[in-house]
N, C-alpha and C. Protein backbone atom coordinates (compact mmCIF):
# COMPACT_ATOMS: atom_id res chain seq x y z
N MET A 1 54.49 99.00 22.37
CA MET A 1 53.72 97.83 22.02
C MET A 1 53.43 97.77 20.51
N TYR A 2 53.25 98.94 19.89
CA TYR A 2 52.91 98.96 18.47
C TYR A 2 54.07 98.51 17.59
N TRP A 3 55.29 98.64 18.05
CA TRP A 3 56.45 98.25 17.26
C TRP A 3 56.59 96.74 17.16
N ILE A 4 55.91 95.99 18.01
CA ILE A 4 56.02 94.53 18.00
C ILE A 4 55.32 93.94 16.77
N LEU A 5 54.17 94.46 16.40
CA LEU A 5 53.39 93.90 15.29
C LEU A 5 54.17 93.87 13.97
N PRO A 6 54.78 94.97 13.55
CA PRO A 6 55.55 94.88 12.29
C PRO A 6 56.67 93.85 12.35
N ARG A 7 57.34 93.76 13.47
CA ARG A 7 58.41 92.77 13.60
C ARG A 7 57.86 91.36 13.58
N LEU A 8 56.72 91.15 14.20
CA LEU A 8 56.09 89.83 14.22
C LEU A 8 55.67 89.43 12.82
N ILE A 9 55.08 90.35 12.07
CA ILE A 9 54.66 90.06 10.70
C ILE A 9 55.88 89.73 9.84
N PHE A 10 56.95 90.50 10.02
CA PHE A 10 58.17 90.26 9.25
C PHE A 10 58.74 88.88 9.55
N CYS A 11 58.72 88.48 10.83
CA CYS A 11 59.27 87.17 11.22
C CYS A 11 58.41 86.01 10.72
N LEU A 12 57.12 86.25 10.62
CA LEU A 12 56.21 85.17 10.24
C LEU A 12 56.03 85.05 8.72
N CYS A 13 56.58 85.97 7.97
CA CYS A 13 56.39 85.96 6.51
C CYS A 13 57.73 85.75 5.82
N PRO A 14 58.10 84.51 5.56
CA PRO A 14 59.37 84.26 4.89
C PRO A 14 59.43 84.86 3.48
N GLU A 15 58.27 84.97 2.82
CA GLU A 15 58.24 85.58 1.49
C GLU A 15 58.65 87.04 1.58
N LEU A 16 58.17 87.71 2.62
CA LEU A 16 58.50 89.12 2.81
C LEU A 16 59.99 89.28 3.09
N ARG A 17 60.52 88.42 3.94
CA ARG A 17 61.96 88.47 4.23
C ARG A 17 62.78 88.25 2.96
N LYS A 18 62.34 87.29 2.14
CA LYS A 18 63.05 86.99 0.89
C LYS A 18 63.00 88.20 -0.04
N LYS A 19 61.83 88.82 -0.18
CA LYS A 19 61.68 89.98 -1.05
C LYS A 19 62.56 91.13 -0.59
N VAL A 20 62.58 91.38 0.71
CA VAL A 20 63.40 92.46 1.26
C VAL A 20 64.87 92.17 1.01
N SER A 21 65.26 90.91 1.20
CA SER A 21 66.65 90.52 0.96
C SER A 21 67.04 90.71 -0.51
N GLU A 22 66.15 90.32 -1.41
CA GLU A 22 66.42 90.49 -2.84
C GLU A 22 66.51 91.96 -3.21
N GLU A 23 65.61 92.76 -2.66
CA GLU A 23 65.62 94.19 -2.96
C GLU A 23 66.90 94.84 -2.43
N THR A 24 67.31 94.44 -1.25
CA THR A 24 68.54 94.97 -0.67
C THR A 24 69.74 94.59 -1.53
N ALA A 25 69.80 93.35 -1.99
CA ALA A 25 70.90 92.89 -2.84
C ALA A 25 70.91 93.67 -4.16
N ALA A 26 69.73 93.92 -4.71
CA ALA A 26 69.66 94.68 -5.96
C ALA A 26 70.14 96.11 -5.76
N LYS A 27 69.74 96.72 -4.67
CA LYS A 27 70.19 98.10 -4.38
C LYS A 27 71.70 98.14 -4.18
N GLU A 28 72.25 97.16 -3.50
CA GLU A 28 73.70 97.12 -3.29
C GLU A 28 74.44 96.94 -4.61
N ALA A 29 73.90 96.10 -5.49
CA ALA A 29 74.52 95.90 -6.81
C ALA A 29 74.49 97.18 -7.62
N LEU A 30 73.36 97.88 -7.61
CA LEU A 30 73.26 99.14 -8.33
C LEU A 30 74.23 100.18 -7.75
N GLN A 31 74.36 100.20 -6.44
CA GLN A 31 75.28 101.14 -5.81
C GLN A 31 76.72 100.84 -6.23
N ALA A 32 77.08 99.57 -6.34
CA ALA A 32 78.42 99.19 -6.76
C ALA A 32 78.67 99.62 -8.21
N VAL A 33 77.67 99.43 -9.08
CA VAL A 33 77.80 99.85 -10.47
C VAL A 33 77.94 101.37 -10.55
N TYR A 34 77.11 102.07 -9.80
CA TYR A 34 77.18 103.54 -9.79
C TYR A 34 78.56 104.02 -9.33
N ALA A 35 79.08 103.42 -8.26
CA ALA A 35 80.39 103.82 -7.74
C ALA A 35 81.48 103.57 -8.78
N SER A 36 81.39 102.44 -9.49
CA SER A 36 82.37 102.12 -10.52
C SER A 36 82.29 103.13 -11.67
N LEU A 37 81.08 103.45 -12.10
CA LEU A 37 80.91 104.43 -13.17
C LEU A 37 81.41 105.81 -12.74
N GLN A 38 81.19 106.16 -11.50
CA GLN A 38 81.66 107.45 -11.00
C GLN A 38 83.19 107.50 -11.02
N ARG A 39 83.84 106.40 -10.62
CA ARG A 39 85.31 106.35 -10.67
C ARG A 39 85.80 106.46 -12.10
N ASP A 40 85.13 105.75 -13.03
CA ASP A 40 85.51 105.83 -14.44
C ASP A 40 85.37 107.26 -14.96
N HIS A 41 84.27 107.91 -14.60
CA HIS A 41 84.05 109.29 -15.01
C HIS A 41 85.14 110.19 -14.46
N ASP A 42 85.47 110.03 -13.20
CA ASP A 42 86.52 110.85 -12.59
C ASP A 42 87.86 110.63 -13.27
N ASP A 43 88.16 109.36 -13.60
CA ASP A 43 89.42 109.05 -14.29
C ASP A 43 89.45 109.69 -15.68
N LEU A 44 88.34 109.61 -16.41
CA LEU A 44 88.29 110.22 -17.74
C LEU A 44 88.39 111.73 -17.67
N GLU A 45 87.74 112.31 -16.68
CA GLU A 45 87.82 113.76 -16.51
C GLU A 45 89.25 114.19 -16.22
N GLU A 46 89.92 113.46 -15.35
CA GLU A 46 91.32 113.77 -15.03
C GLU A 46 92.21 113.62 -16.26
N ALA A 47 91.99 112.56 -17.04
CA ALA A 47 92.78 112.35 -18.25
C ALA A 47 92.54 113.47 -19.26
N ALA A 48 91.31 113.93 -19.37
CA ALA A 48 91.01 115.02 -20.30
C ALA A 48 91.69 116.31 -19.87
N ILE A 49 91.70 116.57 -18.59
CA ILE A 49 92.37 117.77 -18.08
C ILE A 49 93.86 117.72 -18.36
N VAL A 50 94.47 116.55 -18.09
CA VAL A 50 95.90 116.38 -18.34
C VAL A 50 96.19 116.54 -19.83
N ALA A 51 95.35 115.97 -20.69
CA ALA A 51 95.56 116.07 -22.14
C ALA A 51 95.45 117.53 -22.60
N CYS A 52 94.47 118.24 -22.07
CA CYS A 52 94.31 119.65 -22.45
C CYS A 52 95.49 120.49 -21.97
N GLN A 53 95.93 120.21 -20.77
CA GLN A 53 97.09 120.95 -20.25
C GLN A 53 98.32 120.64 -21.08
N GLY A 54 98.47 119.40 -21.51
CA GLY A 54 99.59 119.03 -22.37
C GLY A 54 99.51 119.71 -23.71
N ALA A 55 98.31 119.82 -24.26
CA ALA A 55 98.13 120.49 -25.55
C ALA A 55 98.45 121.97 -25.42
N GLU A 56 98.07 122.58 -24.33
CA GLU A 56 98.38 123.99 -24.11
C GLU A 56 99.88 124.20 -24.01
N GLY A 57 100.56 123.25 -23.36
CA GLY A 57 102.00 123.35 -23.21
C GLY A 57 102.75 123.15 -24.51
N GLU A 58 102.11 122.52 -25.48
CA GLU A 58 102.75 122.26 -26.78
C GLU A 58 102.35 123.31 -27.81
N GLY A 59 101.82 124.43 -27.37
CA GLY A 59 101.45 125.49 -28.30
C GLY A 59 99.99 125.51 -28.67
N GLY A 60 99.19 124.64 -28.08
CA GLY A 60 97.76 124.65 -28.34
C GLY A 60 97.10 125.85 -27.68
N GLN A 61 95.90 126.14 -28.08
CA GLN A 61 95.20 127.29 -27.52
C GLN A 61 94.22 126.83 -26.46
N SER A 62 94.19 127.55 -25.37
CA SER A 62 93.25 127.26 -24.30
C SER A 62 91.84 127.59 -24.78
N GLY A 63 90.89 126.74 -24.46
CA GLY A 63 89.51 127.00 -24.82
C GLY A 63 89.14 126.57 -26.22
N THR A 64 90.06 125.99 -26.96
CA THR A 64 89.76 125.54 -28.31
C THR A 64 88.86 124.32 -28.24
N ARG A 65 87.83 124.30 -29.07
CA ARG A 65 86.95 123.14 -29.10
C ARG A 65 87.39 122.20 -30.21
N TRP A 66 87.44 120.94 -29.88
CA TRP A 66 87.77 119.92 -30.87
C TRP A 66 86.46 119.33 -31.35
N SER A 67 86.33 119.18 -32.65
CA SER A 67 85.10 118.58 -33.16
C SER A 67 85.47 117.32 -33.93
N VAL A 68 84.56 116.36 -33.85
CA VAL A 68 84.74 115.10 -34.55
C VAL A 68 83.83 115.11 -35.75
N ALA A 69 84.39 114.90 -36.92
CA ALA A 69 83.58 114.96 -38.15
C ALA A 69 82.85 113.66 -38.36
């Protein structure tokens, strides 16, 4: 019986439904941005590994740090 009251309040308050909908949309948008950034990070990490392996194969030294002046 107690579970009916929250559902009734939710159904009777269109402002609450709208706010929940907006919050859900915002969370989904942030999740999409996060997933995209994670893929970009993974791609950059993979490219860095490949570049380092290529440098090692061309006579570079493993573990060498590159610095930008």
